[in-house]
Amino acid sequence: MALNATDERREHTRLSGADLPDTLVARIRPGYQTRIIDLARSGVLIECGRRLLPGTSVELIVERDPARHATRARVVRCYVHLVLPTGLIYRCGLRLDSAIAWLAEPATDRGR
């Protein structure tokens, strides 16, 4: 059966970057800075300045003081999102090996 643009394939509800705490920091080991675009229990969409090859495994480190979570993730897609004079910005979809439990808790430190 073919999927239409309106068909939903997501397993879990997603939080947009705007719904996440301002203190949330994410990196890809060995320390590549990323920005979380949206996050679900089983996956995350990030922006980074590095091309991540689909099918490869990476280690995602997510921190929100004092909590820290590191998990393996599989790169399911990666594409050029933005072309800048200084380089490319990629958007990469990652499937998490383990959920980040403390992100399900209500955040009170959004700083807004």
N, C-alpha and C. Protein backbone atom coordinates (compact mmCIF):
# COMPACT_ATOMS: atom_id res chain seq x y z
N MET A 1 0.84 -1.18 0.00
CA MET A 1 0.00 0.00 0.00
C MET A 1 0.89 1.25 0.00
N ALA A 2 0.65 2.15 -0.90
CA ALA A 2 1.42 3.38 -1.00
C ALA A 2 0.94 4.39 0.04
N LEU A 3 1.89 5.14 0.57
CA LEU A 3 1.54 6.17 1.56
C LEU A 3 1.26 7.48 0.86
N ASN A 4 0.23 8.16 1.31
CA ASN A 4 -0.07 9.50 0.82
C ASN A 4 0.66 10.50 1.69
N ALA A 5 0.74 11.74 1.24
CA ALA A 5 1.41 12.79 2.01
C ALA A 5 0.73 13.01 3.35
N THR A 6 -0.55 12.67 3.46
CA THR A 6 -1.28 12.89 4.71
C THR A 6 -1.20 11.70 5.65
N ASP A 7 -0.69 10.55 5.20
CA ASP A 7 -0.56 9.37 6.06
C ASP A 7 0.52 9.62 7.11
N GLU A 8 0.22 9.20 8.32
CA GLU A 8 1.15 9.39 9.45
C GLU A 8 1.87 8.08 9.73
N ARG A 9 3.21 8.09 9.66
CA ARG A 9 4.00 6.89 9.92
C ARG A 9 4.69 6.95 11.27
N ARG A 10 4.58 8.04 11.97
CA ARG A 10 5.28 8.20 13.25
C ARG A 10 4.70 7.28 14.31
N GLU A 11 5.60 6.71 15.11
CA GLU A 11 5.18 5.82 16.19
C GLU A 11 4.84 6.61 17.46
N HIS A 12 5.47 7.77 17.65
CA HIS A 12 5.33 8.53 18.87
C HIS A 12 5.12 10.01 18.57
N THR A 13 4.53 10.71 19.52
CA THR A 13 4.32 12.15 19.41
C THR A 13 5.67 12.86 19.38
N ARG A 14 5.77 13.90 18.58
CA ARG A 14 7.01 14.67 18.49
C ARG A 14 6.87 15.99 19.22
N LEU A 15 8.00 16.41 19.81
CA LEU A 15 8.11 17.75 20.40
C LEU A 15 8.96 18.58 19.45
N SER A 16 8.48 19.76 19.11
CA SER A 16 9.29 20.64 18.26
C SER A 16 10.39 21.26 19.11
N GLY A 17 11.41 21.78 18.47
CA GLY A 17 12.50 22.45 19.18
C GLY A 17 11.99 23.57 20.07
N ALA A 18 10.93 24.25 19.65
CA ALA A 18 10.37 25.34 20.45
C ALA A 18 9.72 24.84 21.73
N ASP A 19 9.31 23.57 21.75
CA ASP A 19 8.67 22.99 22.93
C ASP A 19 9.67 22.38 23.92
N LEU A 20 10.94 22.35 23.54
CA LEU A 20 11.97 21.76 24.39
C LEU A 20 12.60 22.82 25.28
N PRO A 21 13.19 22.41 26.39
CA PRO A 21 13.84 23.37 27.29
C PRO A 21 14.98 24.11 26.60
N ASP A 22 15.14 25.39 26.90
CA ASP A 22 16.22 26.18 26.31
C ASP A 22 17.59 25.66 26.72
N THR A 23 17.65 24.97 27.85
CA THR A 23 18.93 24.48 28.37
C THR A 23 19.35 23.15 27.75
N LEU A 24 18.55 22.62 26.83
CA LEU A 24 18.86 21.34 26.20
C LEU A 24 20.00 21.50 25.20
N VAL A 25 21.01 20.65 25.32
CA VAL A 25 22.17 20.67 24.42
C VAL A 25 22.34 19.27 23.84
N ALA A 26 22.63 19.18 22.55
CA ALA A 26 22.85 17.88 21.92
C ALA A 26 24.13 17.92 21.10
N ARG A 27 24.85 16.80 21.15
CA ARG A 27 26.08 16.65 20.38
C ARG A 27 26.13 15.25 19.78
N ILE A 28 26.86 15.14 18.70
CA ILE A 28 27.19 13.85 18.11
C ILE A 28 28.65 13.60 18.44
N ARG A 29 28.92 12.45 19.03
CA ARG A 29 30.30 12.13 19.40
C ARG A 29 31.16 12.13 18.15
N PRO A 30 32.30 12.80 18.14
CA PRO A 30 33.16 13.17 19.25
C PRO A 30 32.96 14.57 19.79
N GLY A 31 31.88 15.25 19.44
CA GLY A 31 31.64 16.58 19.99
C GLY A 31 31.04 17.55 19.00
N TYR A 32 30.53 17.05 17.88
CA TYR A 32 29.91 17.92 16.88
C TYR A 32 28.63 18.51 17.45
N GLN A 33 28.55 19.83 17.47
CA GLN A 33 27.37 20.52 17.97
C GLN A 33 26.20 20.29 17.02
N THR A 34 25.02 20.12 17.59
CA THR A 34 23.81 19.95 16.79
C THR A 34 22.70 20.81 17.38
N ARG A 35 21.67 20.99 16.61
CA ARG A 35 20.47 21.67 17.09
C ARG A 35 19.31 20.72 16.87
N ILE A 36 18.52 20.50 17.91
CA ILE A 36 17.37 19.60 17.79
C ILE A 36 16.21 20.36 17.15
N ILE A 37 15.73 19.82 16.04
CA ILE A 37 14.58 20.40 15.33
C ILE A 37 13.29 19.83 15.92
N ASP A 38 13.24 18.51 16.09
CA ASP A 38 12.15 17.89 16.82
C ASP A 38 12.61 16.57 17.41
N LEU A 39 11.87 16.13 18.41
CA LEU A 39 12.30 14.97 19.19
C LEU A 39 11.09 14.12 19.54
N ALA A 40 11.24 12.82 19.38
CA ALA A 40 10.21 11.86 19.78
C ALA A 40 10.88 10.78 20.61
N ARG A 41 10.08 9.92 21.18
CA ARG A 41 10.61 8.85 22.02
C ARG A 41 11.59 7.95 21.26
N SER A 42 11.34 7.74 19.99
CA SER A 42 12.18 6.80 19.22
C SER A 42 13.11 7.46 18.21
N GLY A 43 13.04 8.79 18.07
CA GLY A 43 13.89 9.42 17.07
C GLY A 43 14.01 10.92 17.26
N VAL A 44 14.94 11.49 16.50
CA VAL A 44 15.21 12.92 16.60
C VAL A 44 15.61 13.44 15.22
N LEU A 45 15.22 14.66 14.92
CA LEU A 45 15.67 15.35 13.72
C LEU A 45 16.60 16.45 14.19
N ILE A 46 17.84 16.44 13.69
CA ILE A 46 18.84 17.42 14.11
C ILE A 46 19.35 18.20 12.91
N GLU A 47 19.93 19.36 13.21
CA GLU A 47 20.70 20.13 12.24
C GLU A 47 22.15 20.12 12.69
N CYS A 48 23.05 19.94 11.75
CA CYS A 48 24.47 19.98 12.09
C CYS A 48 25.27 20.36 10.84
N GLY A 49 26.50 20.71 11.07
CA GLY A 49 27.39 21.09 9.99
C GLY A 49 28.17 19.92 9.41
N ARG A 50 27.83 18.72 9.82
CA ARG A 50 28.50 17.50 9.35
C ARG A 50 27.52 16.60 8.62
N ARG A 51 27.98 16.01 7.54
CA ARG A 51 27.16 15.04 6.82
C ARG A 51 27.26 13.71 7.55
N LEU A 52 26.13 13.15 7.90
CA LEU A 52 26.07 11.84 8.53
C LEU A 52 25.52 10.86 7.49
N LEU A 53 26.23 9.77 7.27
CA LEU A 53 25.83 8.83 6.22
C LEU A 53 24.67 7.95 6.67
N PRO A 54 23.59 7.92 5.89
CA PRO A 54 22.47 7.03 6.23
C PRO A 54 22.95 5.58 6.36
N GLY A 55 22.42 4.92 7.38
CA GLY A 55 22.79 3.53 7.63
C GLY A 55 23.89 3.37 8.67
N THR A 56 24.59 4.47 8.98
CA THR A 56 25.66 4.38 9.96
C THR A 56 25.12 4.61 11.37
N SER A 57 25.90 4.17 12.36
CA SER A 57 25.55 4.39 13.76
C SER A 57 26.37 5.55 14.30
N VAL A 58 25.73 6.36 15.13
CA VAL A 58 26.40 7.49 15.78
C VAL A 58 26.03 7.45 17.26
N GLU A 59 26.77 8.18 18.08
CA GLU A 59 26.40 8.32 19.48
C GLU A 59 25.87 9.73 19.67
N LEU A 60 24.63 9.83 20.14
CA LEU A 60 23.99 11.10 20.41
C LEU A 60 24.06 11.35 21.91
N ILE A 61 24.53 12.53 22.29
CA ILE A 61 24.61 12.91 23.69
C ILE A 61 23.67 14.10 23.88
N VAL A 62 22.70 13.95 24.77
CA VAL A 62 21.73 15.00 25.05
C VAL A 62 21.87 15.37 26.52
N GLU A 63 21.99 16.68 26.79
CA GLU A 63 22.19 17.14 28.16
C GLU A 63 21.21 18.25 28.50
N ARG A 64 20.74 18.19 29.72
CA ARG A 64 19.96 19.26 30.34
C ARG A 64 20.32 19.19 31.81
N ASP A 65 21.07 20.19 32.28
CA ASP A 65 21.61 20.14 33.65
C ASP A 65 20.54 19.75 34.64
N PRO A 66 20.81 18.78 35.49
CA PRO A 66 22.03 17.98 35.62
C PRO A 66 21.96 16.67 34.85
N ALA A 67 20.89 16.43 34.09
CA ALA A 67 20.71 15.15 33.40
C ALA A 67 21.56 15.07 32.14
N ARG A 68 22.01 13.85 31.87
CA ARG A 68 22.81 13.58 30.66
C ARG A 68 22.42 12.20 30.16
N HIS A 69 22.20 12.10 28.86
CA HIS A 69 21.84 10.81 28.27
C HIS A 69 22.65 10.61 26.99
N ALA A 70 23.30 9.48 26.89
CA ALA A 70 24.03 9.11 25.68
C ALA A 70 23.40 7.84 25.13
N THR A 71 23.14 7.82 23.85
CA THR A 71 22.55 6.63 23.22
C THR A 71 23.10 6.47 21.81
N ARG A 72 23.16 5.25 21.36
CA ARG A 72 23.48 4.98 19.97
C ARG A 72 22.23 5.31 19.15
N ALA A 73 22.47 5.71 17.92
CA ALA A 73 21.37 6.02 17.01
C ALA A 73 21.78 5.63 15.60
N ARG A 74 20.80 5.27 14.81
CA ARG A 74 21.04 4.93 13.41
C ARG A 74 20.59 6.11 12.56
N VAL A 75 21.45 6.54 11.64
CA VAL A 75 21.11 7.63 10.72
C VAL A 75 20.17 7.05 9.66
N VAL A 76 18.94 7.56 9.61
CA VAL A 76 17.97 7.06 8.63
C VAL A 76 17.88 7.96 7.40
N ARG A 77 18.22 9.23 7.58
CA ARG A 77 18.28 10.14 6.42
C ARG A 77 19.15 11.33 6.77
N CYS A 78 19.71 11.94 5.75
CA CYS A 78 20.52 13.15 5.93
C CYS A 78 20.51 13.89 4.60
N TYR A 79 20.21 15.18 4.65
CA TYR A 79 20.13 15.96 3.42
C TYR A 79 20.60 17.38 3.68
N VAL A 80 21.02 18.06 2.63
CA VAL A 80 21.43 19.46 2.74
C VAL A 80 20.18 20.29 2.95
N HIS A 81 20.19 21.05 4.05
CA HIS A 81 19.05 21.90 4.37
C HIS A 81 19.31 23.35 3.97
N LEU A 82 20.56 23.77 4.12
CA LEU A 82 20.89 25.17 3.90
C LEU A 82 22.30 25.28 3.34
N VAL A 83 22.46 26.14 2.34
CA VAL A 83 23.78 26.41 1.77
C VAL A 83 24.18 27.82 2.19
N LEU A 84 25.28 27.90 2.92
CA LEU A 84 25.79 29.18 3.41
C LEU A 84 27.16 29.45 2.78
N PRO A 85 27.61 30.70 2.75
CA PRO A 85 28.95 30.98 2.22
C PRO A 85 30.05 30.24 3.01
N THR A 86 29.77 29.94 4.27
CA THR A 86 30.77 29.29 5.13
C THR A 86 30.66 27.77 5.13
N GLY A 87 29.63 27.20 4.52
CA GLY A 87 29.49 25.75 4.49
C GLY A 87 28.04 25.31 4.38
N LEU A 88 27.83 24.03 4.55
CA LEU A 88 26.50 23.44 4.42
C LEU A 88 25.92 23.12 5.80
N ILE A 89 24.61 23.20 5.90
CA ILE A 89 23.89 22.77 7.09
C ILE A 89 23.03 21.58 6.67
N TYR A 90 23.19 20.48 7.39
CA TYR A 90 22.46 19.25 7.10
C TYR A 90 21.34 19.05 8.11
N ARG A 91 20.29 18.40 7.67
CA ARG A 91 19.24 17.91 8.57
C ARG A 91 19.33 16.39 8.51
N CYS A 92 19.39 15.79 9.69
CA CYS A 92 19.58 14.35 9.78
C CYS A 92 18.53 13.74 10.69
N GLY A 93 17.89 12.69 10.22
CA GLY A 93 16.93 11.95 11.02
C GLY A 93 17.64 10.76 11.65
N LEU A 94 17.52 10.64 12.98
CA LEU A 94 18.17 9.57 13.72
C LEU A 94 17.13 8.72 14.42
N ARG A 95 17.29 7.41 14.37
CA ARG A 95 16.44 6.47 15.13
C ARG A 95 17.21 6.07 16.38
N LEU A 96 16.68 6.40 17.54
CA LEU A 96 17.36 6.17 18.81
C LEU A 96 17.27 4.72 19.23
N ASP A 97 18.40 4.19 19.78
CA ASP A 97 18.41 2.84 20.34
C ASP A 97 17.71 2.80 21.69
N SER A 98 17.79 3.90 22.46
CA SER A 98 17.11 3.96 23.76
C SER A 98 16.48 5.34 23.93
N ALA A 99 15.29 5.35 24.48
CA ALA A 99 14.54 6.59 24.67
C ALA A 99 15.18 7.45 25.76
N ILE A 100 14.98 8.74 25.67
CA ILE A 100 15.48 9.69 26.66
C ILE A 100 14.33 9.94 27.63
N ALA A 101 14.30 9.16 28.71
CA ALA A 101 13.15 9.14 29.63
C ALA A 101 12.86 10.49 30.26
N TRP A 102 13.89 11.23 30.69
CA TRP A 102 13.64 12.48 31.39
C TRP A 102 13.08 13.57 30.50
N LEU A 103 13.11 13.39 29.20
CA LEU A 103 12.50 14.40 28.32
C LEU A 103 10.99 14.30 28.33
N ALA A 104 10.46 13.18 28.79
CA ALA A 104 9.00 13.02 28.87
C ALA A 104 8.42 13.81 30.04
N GLU A 105 9.28 14.20 30.98
CA GLU A 105 8.82 14.96 32.14
C GLU A 105 8.52 16.39 31.72
N PRO A 106 7.54 17.03 32.32
CA PRO A 106 7.27 18.43 31.99
C PRO A 106 8.47 19.31 32.32
N ALA A 107 8.81 20.17 31.39
CA ALA A 107 9.96 21.06 31.61
C ALA A 107 9.47 22.37 32.22
N THR A 108 10.11 22.79 33.31
CA THR A 108 9.73 24.04 33.95
C THR A 108 10.82 25.09 33.81
N ASP A 109 11.92 24.73 33.17
CA ASP A 109 13.06 25.65 33.08
C ASP A 109 13.27 26.17 31.67
N ARG A 110 12.21 26.48 30.98
CA ARG A 110 12.34 26.92 29.59
C ARG A 110 12.89 28.31 29.46
N GLY A 111 12.85 29.08 30.49
CA GLY A 111 13.43 30.42 30.44
C GLY A 111 12.64 31.39 29.59
N ARG A 112 11.38 31.11 29.41
CA ARG A 112 10.56 32.00 28.57
C ARG A 112 9.60 32.76 29.41
